[in-house]
Amino acid sequence: MPHCLTQLDLAVITLAHRDPAARLKPQNRVSRWIFGRRHAGLPLANPKLEALRRYVVLRRIHGAGSAFEQRNALCTAGYAPSELSEIDRLVDSLSAARRHRRNFHQTTASGIDMRQIFGFCNRVIVSASVLFWTYSAAAQTTTAIETPFAAPRQASDDRGEPGGPDGGPGGDHIAIGVGGMYQPAYMGAKKYQFQPLPAIDIKQGMFFANFQNGIGIAPVDNEIFTAGVGIVLATDNYSRKDVPNRFNKISMGAGVRGFVGVRQFGFEATAGLTQIFAGGTKGMIADFSLSRPIMVSERLFLNPSIGTRWANAKHNDRFYGVNARQSAESGLREFRSGSGLLDARAELGLQYRLTDHIGFGAMGGVATLLGDVKDSPIVRKKTAPFGMGFLTYSF
């Protein structure tokens, strides 16, 4: 479909699609002092383009219903009906692409070990489904008894698709997919393995279920900040056949993870802290990642990222350590590392939206051990590449 908009109009739509709602308001002195003048909500010099910018931000965040008044302002500014339809199509397309990219980032950001994953996935799917439908039923009950002063529901967009919980396109969703990952048997192993990889990403209000943050709730989730807590799979593990002299094994486990995400200046930063309470090492792991999503086109996205992890002594010593008894039985030298940096990684993700619901993703990167753990006698390869690919379907 050929564009009936000018190149300047298209540029404003693309840039406004990244603006938070705060950009529609004048900047106060406090935020100017904290963030600098870059965040000032100054209008565009051209009134017609400013009306377009405000409409794109409102429609993306609050949905078509809340942006109706600003749509009338576009008509007054001189946009023809055909141009308005093209603007709506582009905004909705970019919003859908953003949702796909976010699902892709949640699937790939954790760099998880996929050993024994299918056994855990059965429990995840069942638990997530129960919580999902329980939350939905509770939400319906709350809606039925809401007061007369409750705000009206947001209308569906022009294509008949409902928005998220706030009317926006990045709200409630269900995404499932299949794929595979090729990586070392454990970080430090010389042996590689291929594992099938299911992908699950569910969001309903505050409730979520995905591989990065597990199953839990995110009370804060907006254009800038995300904060929540969940029960996650502790994937750092190995079997006896994977380690030298079969001296030890670490099973998969579960942990409690708290996390915070910040999106500013086009970057996305995430920090999390996980305490393993069942299986695994019973240790504590902190993680940090920084990514820069890049929209190449309406359908193609790139997501370069870097990340690192820190672990306490309990985790590092149980995973990479060799105590006196294990040393006597296996012939490996004794080793203790204590707490410290665990590893670092650099990744490049790619996602292509085949349709509005189906997407293809691929990710490749390299990870390296840091700190004292890299000197463990079970480490055969300190730095190793990895890769994965998958297909997803978003409902």
Foldseek 3Di string as FASTA:
>chain_A
DDAPDDPVLVVLLVVLLLDAPCLCDADDPVCCVVPNPVSGNDADPQVLSSLSSNLLNCCQAQNPQRSVVSLVVNVVSPDDPVNSVVSLVLSVLLSLQVLVVVLVCLAPVQVFQCPPVVVVVVVQVVVLVVVVVVVVVVVVVCVVPDDPPDDDDGAHHPVRHADAPNRHNNHFWWKKWKWKKWDALAQQFPDIDIDIDIWTWGHHQQWIATQNQHTWGWPDDDSFKTWTKHKHKQRHWHALVRFAQSLDTFDIFIWIKIKMWGADPQKIKMKMKTQTDTTGQRWIKIKIKMWHWDDPDSFKIKIKMKMWMWIFQSRLCRRQFADPVSCVNRVFDGDGFGTDTFKMKIKMKMKGAPDSFKIKIKMKIKMFTDGPSCVGPRRDDGMDIMMMIMMMGMD
